[in-house]
Amino acid sequence: MELSITLVNLGYAIAGALLTLMFMMIGYKMFDRMTPFNTSKQLAEKNVAVGIVVGSIFIGLGIAIGLVIGMALN
């Protein structure tokens, strides 16, 4: 009985992590389209300001979506 509960929770955690990563990728693509410059090119050129902004987007999206998915799966 406890093994099945553990496996279900593991499945929920994996599903939540995959959904969070998917939404983070969508958020990055949306940010890339909204900006007048190529974000990937700027990151490759080691533009620190763009790196900080993209990192903060990932942190914000990860926290927000992770909490929403975590609450929904429990």
PDB file of N, CA and C in Angstrom:
ATOM      1  N   MET A   1       0.826  -1.188   0.000  1.00  0.00           N
ATOM      2  CA  MET A   1       0.000   0.000   0.000  1.00  0.00           C
ATOM      3  C   MET A   1       0.873   1.256   0.000  1.00  0.00           C
ATOM      4  N   GLU A   2       1.867   1.316   0.863  1.00  0.00           N
ATOM      5  CA  GLU A   2       2.697   2.509   0.929  1.00  0.00           C
ATOM      6  C   GLU A   2       3.566   2.650  -0.312  1.00  0.00           C
ATOM      7  N   LEU A   3       3.942   1.532  -0.916  1.00  0.00           N
ATOM      8  CA  LEU A   3       4.737   1.601  -2.142  1.00  0.00           C
ATOM      9  C   LEU A   3       3.929   2.232  -3.264  1.00  0.00           C
ATOM     10  N   SER A   4       2.650   1.893  -3.373  1.00  0.00           N
ATOM     11  CA  SER A   4       1.814   2.471  -4.429  1.00  0.00           C
ATOM     12  C   SER A   4       1.640   3.974  -4.232  1.00  0.00           C
ATOM     13  N   ILE A   5       1.483   4.413  -2.992  1.00  0.00           N
ATOM     14  CA  ILE A   5       1.368   5.849  -2.710  1.00  0.00           C
ATOM     15  C   ILE A   5       2.659   6.558  -3.089  1.00  0.00           C
ATOM     16  N   THR A   6       3.783   5.941  -2.772  1.00  0.00           N
ATOM     17  CA  THR A   6       5.076   6.525  -3.108  1.00  0.00           C
ATOM     18  C   THR A   6       5.251   6.622  -4.621  1.00  0.00           C
ATOM     19  N   LEU A   7       4.863   5.582  -5.334  1.00  0.00           N
ATOM     20  CA  LEU A   7       4.989   5.604  -6.794  1.00  0.00           C
ATOM     21  C   LEU A   7       4.065   6.639  -7.433  1.00  0.00           C
ATOM     22  N   VAL A   8       2.855   6.783  -6.900  1.00  0.00           N
ATOM     23  CA  VAL A   8       1.932   7.793  -7.422  1.00  0.00           C
ATOM     24  C   VAL A   8       2.504   9.190  -7.185  1.00  0.00           C
ATOM     25  N   ASN A   9       3.038   9.437  -5.988  1.00  0.00           N
ATOM     26  CA  ASN A   9       3.641  10.737  -5.698  1.00  0.00           C
ATOM     27  C   ASN A   9       4.860  10.994  -6.579  1.00  0.00           C
ATOM     28  N   LEU A  10       5.641   9.970  -6.853  1.00  0.00           N
ATOM     29  CA  LEU A  10       6.780  10.106  -7.749  1.00  0.00           C
ATOM     30  C   LEU A  10       6.310  10.464  -9.156  1.00  0.00           C
ATOM     31  N   GLY A  11       5.248   9.814  -9.598  1.00  0.00           N
ATOM     32  CA  GLY A  11       4.670  10.129 -10.911  1.00  0.00           C
ATOM     33  C   GLY A  11       4.181  11.562 -10.980  1.00  0.00           C
ATOM     34  N   TYR A  12       3.524  12.021  -9.908  1.00  0.00           N
ATOM     35  CA  TYR A  12       3.063  13.415  -9.851  1.00  0.00           C
ATOM     36  C   TYR A  12       4.243  14.377  -9.892  1.00  0.00           C
ATOM     37  N   ALA A  13       5.303  14.052  -9.181  1.00  0.00           N
ATOM     38  CA  ALA A  13       6.479  14.925  -9.155  1.00  0.00           C
ATOM     39  C   ALA A  13       7.121  15.005 -10.537  1.00  0.00           C
ATOM     40  N   ILE A  14       7.219  13.878 -11.218  1.00  0.00           N
ATOM     41  CA  ILE A  14       7.805  13.859 -12.560  1.00  0.00           C
ATOM     42  C   ILE A  14       6.917  14.629 -13.532  1.00  0.00           C
ATOM     43  N   ALA A  15       5.601  14.415 -13.439  1.00  0.00           N
ATOM     44  CA  ALA A  15       4.674  15.139 -14.318  1.00  0.00           C
ATOM     45  C   ALA A  15       4.748  16.636 -14.058  1.00  0.00           C
ATOM     46  N   GLY A  16       4.806  17.026 -12.800  1.00  0.00           N
ATOM     47  CA  GLY A  16       4.909  18.439 -12.458  1.00  0.00           C
ATOM     48  C   GLY A  16       6.202  19.050 -12.962  1.00  0.00           C
ATOM     49  N   ALA A  17       7.305  18.323 -12.836  1.00  0.00           N
ATOM     50  CA  ALA A  17       8.591  18.831 -13.311  1.00  0.00           C
ATOM     51  C   ALA A  17       8.580  18.995 -14.832  1.00  0.00           C
ATOM     52  N   LEU A  18       8.018  18.042 -15.541  1.00  0.00           N
ATOM     53  CA  LEU A  18       7.961  18.136 -17.003  1.00  0.00           C
ATOM     54  C   LEU A  18       7.067  19.288 -17.458  1.00  0.00           C
ATOM     55  N   LEU A  19       5.924  19.459 -16.791  1.00  0.00           N
ATOM     56  CA  LEU A  19       5.045  20.572 -17.135  1.00  0.00           C
ATOM     57  C   LEU A  19       5.704  21.913 -16.839  1.00  0.00           C
ATOM     58  N   THR A  20       6.407  22.000 -15.720  1.00  0.00           N
ATOM     59  CA  THR A  20       7.099  23.237 -15.375  1.00  0.00           C
ATOM     60  C   THR A  20       8.163  23.572 -16.407  1.00  0.00           C
ATOM     61  N   LEU A  21       8.944  22.594 -16.818  1.00  0.00           N
ATOM     62  CA  LEU A  21       9.964  22.825 -17.840  1.00  0.00           C
ATOM     63  C   LEU A  21       9.345  23.231 -19.172  1.00  0.00           C
ATOM     64  N   MET A  22       8.221  22.622 -19.510  1.00  0.00           N
ATOM     65  CA  MET A  22       7.547  22.968 -20.759  1.00  0.00           C
ATOM     66  C   MET A  22       7.065  24.421 -20.721  1.00  0.00           C
ATOM     67  N   PHE A  23       6.451  24.827 -19.604  1.00  0.00           N
ATOM     68  CA  PHE A  23       5.975  26.201 -19.491  1.00  0.00           C
ATOM     69  C   PHE A  23       7.134  27.191 -19.436  1.00  0.00           C
ATOM     70  N   MET A  24       8.251  26.806 -18.852  1.00  0.00           N
ATOM     71  CA  MET A  24       9.422  27.678 -18.837  1.00  0.00           C
ATOM     72  C   MET A  24       9.956  27.874 -20.258  1.00  0.00           C
ATOM     73  N   MET A  25       9.938  26.823 -21.057  1.00  0.00           N
ATOM     74  CA  MET A  25      10.383  26.929 -22.437  1.00  0.00           C
ATOM     75  C   MET A  25       9.442  27.838 -23.226  1.00  0.00           C
ATOM     76  N   ILE A  26       8.145  27.698 -23.006  1.00  0.00           N
ATOM     77  CA  ILE A  26       7.169  28.562 -23.670  1.00  0.00           C
ATOM     78  C   ILE A  26       7.380  30.016 -23.252  1.00  0.00           C
ATOM     79  N   GLY A  27       7.627  30.251 -21.967  1.00  0.00           N
ATOM     80  CA  GLY A  27       7.876  31.599 -21.481  1.00  0.00           C
ATOM     81  C   GLY A  27       9.117  32.214 -22.107  1.00  0.00           C
ATOM     82  N   TYR A  28      10.168  31.418 -22.247  1.00  0.00           N
ATOM     83  CA  TYR A  28      11.394  31.914 -22.891  1.00  0.00           C
ATOM     84  C   TYR A  28      11.128  32.269 -24.349  1.00  0.00           C
ATOM     85  N   LYS A  29      10.389  31.413 -25.050  1.00  0.00           N
ATOM     86  CA  LYS A  29      10.081  31.679 -26.466  1.00  0.00           C
ATOM     87  C   LYS A  29       9.249  32.958 -26.600  1.00  0.00           C
ATOM     88  N   MET A  30       8.293  33.152 -25.672  1.00  0.00           N
ATOM     89  CA  MET A  30       7.479  34.373 -25.711  1.00  0.00           C
ATOM     90  C   MET A  30       8.351  35.605 -25.461  1.00  0.00           C
ATOM     91  N   PHE A  31       9.258  35.517 -24.500  1.00  0.00           N
ATOM     92  CA  PHE A  31      10.158  36.632 -24.222  1.00  0.00           C
ATOM     93  C   PHE A  31      11.042  36.918 -25.420  1.00  0.00           C
ATOM     94  N   ASP A  32      11.517  35.884 -26.076  1.00  0.00           N
ATOM     95  CA  ASP A  32      12.385  36.046 -27.244  1.00  0.00           C
ATOM     96  C   ASP A  32      11.641  36.754 -28.372  1.00  0.00           C
ATOM     97  N   ARG A  33      10.368  36.447 -28.543  1.00  0.00           N
ATOM     98  CA  ARG A  33       9.585  37.086 -29.601  1.00  0.00           C
ATOM     99  C   ARG A  33       9.214  38.523 -29.262  1.00  0.00           C
ATOM    100  N   MET A  34       9.073  38.847 -27.975  1.00  0.00           N
ATOM    101  CA  MET A  34       8.671  40.201 -27.583  1.00  0.00           C
ATOM    102  C   MET A  34       9.828  41.192 -27.627  1.00  0.00           C
ATOM    103  N   THR A  35      11.046  40.727 -27.518  1.00  0.00           N
ATOM    104  CA  THR A  35      12.189  41.630 -27.494  1.00  0.00           C
ATOM    105  C   THR A  35      12.662  41.929 -28.916  1.00  0.00           C
ATOM    106  N   PRO A  36      13.212  43.127 -29.134  1.00  0.00           N
ATOM    107  CA  PRO A  36      13.652  43.476 -30.491  1.00  0.00           C
ATOM    108  C   PRO A  36      15.000  42.852 -30.887  1.00  0.00           C
ATOM    109  N   PHE A  37      15.617  42.117 -29.992  1.00  0.00           N
ATOM    110  CA  PHE A  37      16.911  41.495 -30.286  1.00  0.00           C
ATOM    111  C   PHE A  37      16.793  39.985 -30.154  1.00  0.00           C
ATOM    112  N   ASN A  38      17.782  39.284 -30.682  1.00  0.00           N
ATOM    113  CA  ASN A  38      17.821  37.832 -30.601  1.00  0.00           C
ATOM    114  C   ASN A  38      18.425  37.436 -29.251  1.00  0.00           C
ATOM    115  N   THR A  39      17.595  36.893 -28.388  1.00  0.00           N
ATOM    116  CA  THR A  39      18.031  36.568 -27.034  1.00  0.00           C
ATOM    117  C   THR A  39      19.132  35.512 -27.040  1.00  0.00           C
ATOM    118  N   SER A  40      18.984  34.494 -27.849  1.00  0.00           N
ATOM    119  CA  SER A  40      19.989  33.431 -27.900  1.00  0.00           C
ATOM    120  C   SER A  40      21.345  33.963 -28.342  1.00  0.00           C
ATOM    121  N   LYS A  41      21.327  34.863 -29.323  1.00  0.00           N
ATOM    122  CA  LYS A  41      22.580  35.448 -29.807  1.00  0.00           C
ATOM    123  C   LYS A  41      23.226  36.301 -28.721  1.00  0.00           C
ATOM    124  N   GLN A  42      22.417  37.066 -27.997  1.00  0.00           N
ATOM    125  CA  GLN A  42      22.946  37.904 -26.925  1.00  0.00           C
ATOM    126  C   GLN A  42      23.525  37.051 -25.791  1.00  0.00           C
ATOM    127  N   LEU A  43      22.885  35.941 -25.491  1.00  0.00           N
ATOM    128  CA  LEU A  43      23.418  35.040 -24.466  1.00  0.00           C
ATOM    129  C   LEU A  43      24.725  34.399 -24.931  1.00  0.00           C
ATOM    130  N   ALA A  44      24.806  34.075 -26.219  1.00  0.00           N
ATOM    131  CA  ALA A  44      26.039  33.499 -26.755  1.00  0.00           C
ATOM    132  C   ALA A  44      27.185  34.506 -26.732  1.00  0.00           C
ATOM    133  N   GLU A  45      26.847  35.800 -26.856  1.00  0.00           N
ATOM    134  CA  GLU A  45      27.862  36.844 -26.789  1.00  0.00           C
ATOM    135  C   GLU A  45      28.175  37.258 -25.348  1.00  0.00           C
ATOM    136  N   LYS A  46      27.634  36.511 -24.401  1.00  0.00           N
ATOM    137  CA  LYS A  46      27.871  36.717 -22.967  1.00  0.00           C
ATOM    138  C   LYS A  46      27.399  38.081 -22.476  1.00  0.00           C
ATOM    139  N   ASN A  47      26.212  38.488 -22.923  1.00  0.00           N
ATOM    140  CA  ASN A  47      25.596  39.723 -22.455  1.00  0.00           C
ATOM    141  C   ASN A  47      25.020  39.461 -21.060  1.00  0.00           C
ATOM    142  N   VAL A  48      25.643  40.046 -20.052  1.00  0.00           N
ATOM    143  CA  VAL A  48      25.279  39.767 -18.658  1.00  0.00           C
ATOM    144  C   VAL A  48      23.869  40.257 -18.351  1.00  0.00           C
ATOM    145  N   ALA A  49      23.480  41.409 -18.866  1.00  0.00           N
ATOM    146  CA  ALA A  49      22.156  41.959 -18.581  1.00  0.00           C
ATOM    147  C   ALA A  49      21.059  41.027 -19.098  1.00  0.00           C
ATOM    148  N   VAL A  50      21.214  40.518 -20.301  1.00  0.00           N
ATOM    149  CA  VAL A  50      20.230  39.589 -20.860  1.00  0.00           C
ATOM    150  C   VAL A  50      20.228  38.290 -20.051  1.00  0.00           C
ATOM    151  N   GLY A  51      21.388  37.842 -19.621  1.00  0.00           N
ATOM    152  CA  GLY A  51      21.466  36.633 -18.809  1.00  0.00           C
ATOM    153  C   GLY A  51      20.735  36.771 -17.485  1.00  0.00           C
ATOM    154  N   ILE A  52      20.874  37.935 -16.859  1.00  0.00           N
ATOM    155  CA  ILE A  52      20.180  38.163 -15.588  1.00  0.00           C
ATOM    156  C   ILE A  52      18.672  38.186 -15.801  1.00  0.00           C
ATOM    157  N   VAL A  53      18.215  38.842 -16.865  1.00  0.00           N
ATOM    158  CA  VAL A  53      16.780  38.911 -17.145  1.00  0.00           C
ATOM    159  C   VAL A  53      16.223  37.523 -17.445  1.00  0.00           C
ATOM    160  N   VAL A  54      16.901  36.768 -18.278  1.00  0.00           N
ATOM    161  CA  VAL A  54      16.426  35.419 -18.615  1.00  0.00           C
ATOM    162  C   VAL A  54      16.447  34.525 -17.376  1.00  0.00           C
ATOM    163  N   GLY A  55      17.470  34.641 -16.560  1.00  0.00           N
ATOM    164  CA  GLY A  55      17.520  33.863 -15.325  1.00  0.00           C
ATOM    165  C   GLY A  55      16.385  34.205 -14.385  1.00  0.00           C
ATOM    166  N   SER A  56      16.068  35.491 -14.277  1.00  0.00           N
ATOM    167  CA  SER A  56      14.965  35.880 -13.399  1.00  0.00           C
ATOM    168  C   SER A  56      13.624  35.419 -13.957  1.00  0.00           C
ATOM    169  N   ILE A  57      13.496  35.389 -15.271  1.00  0.00           N
ATOM    170  CA  ILE A  57      12.269  34.856 -15.869  1.00  0.00           C
ATOM    171  C   ILE A  57      12.120  33.381 -15.515  1.00  0.00           C
ATOM    172  N   PHE A  58      13.209  32.622 -15.626  1.00  0.00           N
ATOM    173  CA  PHE A  58      13.151  31.200 -15.293  1.00  0.00           C
ATOM    174  C   PHE A  58      12.825  30.982 -13.823  1.00  0.00           C
ATOM    175  N   ILE A  59      13.413  31.764 -12.957  1.00  0.00           N
ATOM    176  CA  ILE A  59      13.139  31.618 -11.525  1.00  0.00           C
ATOM    177  C   ILE A  59      11.684  31.942 -11.228  1.00  0.00           C
ATOM    178  N   GLY A  60      11.194  33.057 -11.771  1.00  0.00           N
ATOM    179  CA  GLY A  60       9.807  33.451 -11.531  1.00  0.00           C
ATOM    180  C   GLY A  60       8.810  32.455 -12.086  1.00  0.00           C
ATOM    181  N   LEU A  61       9.014  32.029 -13.317  1.00  0.00           N
ATOM    182  CA  LEU A  61       8.116  31.037 -13.904  1.00  0.00           C
ATOM    183  C   LEU A  61       8.196  29.707 -13.167  1.00  0.00           C
ATOM    184  N   GLY A  62       9.397  29.315 -12.804  1.00  0.00           N
ATOM    185  CA  GLY A  62       9.559  28.043 -12.102  1.00  0.00           C
ATOM    186  C   GLY A  62       8.844  28.024 -10.767  1.00  0.00           C
ATOM    187  N   ILE A  63       8.962  29.107 -10.013  1.00  0.00           N
ATOM    188  CA  ILE A  63       8.289  29.179  -8.713  1.00  0.00           C
ATOM    189  C   ILE A  63       6.776  29.193  -8.903  1.00  0.00           C
ATOM    190  N   ALA A  64       6.297  30.089  -9.765  1.00  0.00           N
ATOM    191  CA  ALA A  64       4.854  30.242  -9.937  1.00  0.00           C
ATOM    192  C   ALA A  64       4.198  28.980 -10.493  1.00  0.00           C
ATOM    193  N   ILE A  65       4.712  28.475 -11.570  1.00  0.00           N
ATOM    194  CA  ILE A  65       4.094  27.311 -12.206  1.00  0.00           C
ATOM    195  C   ILE A  65       4.311  26.063 -11.367  1.00  0.00           C
ATOM    196  N   GLY A  66       5.482  25.953 -10.756  1.00  0.00           N
ATOM    197  CA  GLY A  66       5.735  24.803  -9.884  1.00  0.00           C
ATOM    198  C   GLY A  66       4.772  24.742  -8.717  1.00  0.00           C
ATOM    199  N   LEU A  67       4.483  25.891  -8.115  1.00  0.00           N
ATOM    200  CA  LEU A  67       3.523  25.901  -7.015  1.00  0.00           C
ATOM    201  C   LEU A  67       2.112  25.570  -7.481  1.00  0.00           C
ATOM    202  N   VAL A  68       1.723  26.113  -8.621  1.00  0.00           N
ATOM    203  CA  VAL A  68       0.388  25.835  -9.135  1.00  0.00           C
ATOM    204  C   VAL A  68       0.228  24.361  -9.463  1.00  0.00           C
ATOM    205  N   ILE A  69       1.200  23.798 -10.147  1.00  0.00           N
ATOM    206  CA  ILE A  69       1.126  22.378 -10.498  1.00  0.00           C
ATOM    207  C   ILE A  69       1.227  21.518  -9.245  1.00  0.00           C
ATOM    208  N   GLY A  70       2.092  21.884  -8.326  1.00  0.00           N
ATOM    209  CA  GLY A  70       2.218  21.121  -7.088  1.00  0.00           C
ATOM    210  C   GLY A  70       0.942  21.103  -6.274  1.00  0.00           C
ATOM    211  N   MET A  71       0.275  22.243  -6.203  1.00  0.00           N
ATOM    212  CA  MET A  71      -0.989  22.294  -5.466  1.00  0.00           C
ATOM    213  C   MET A  71      -2.090  21.507  -6.190  1.00  0.00           C
ATOM    214  N   ALA A  72      -2.077  21.577  -7.519  1.00  0.00           N
ATOM    215  CA  ALA A  72      -3.111  20.883  -8.284  1.00  0.00           C
ATOM    216  C   ALA A  72      -2.952  19.359  -8.207  1.00  0.00           C
ATOM    217  N   LEU A  73      -1.725  18.888  -8.114  1.00  0.00           N
ATOM    218  CA  LEU A  73      -1.489  17.442  -8.111  1.00  0.00           C
ATOM    219  C   LEU A  73      -1.698  16.816  -6.739  1.00  0.00           C
ATOM    220  N   ASN A  74      -1.685  17.610  -5.693  1.00  0.00           N
ATOM    221  CA  ASN A  74      -1.874  17.043  -4.345  1.00  0.00           C
ATOM    222  C   ASN A  74      -3.284  16.926  -4.013  1.00  0.00           C
TER     223      ASN A  74
END
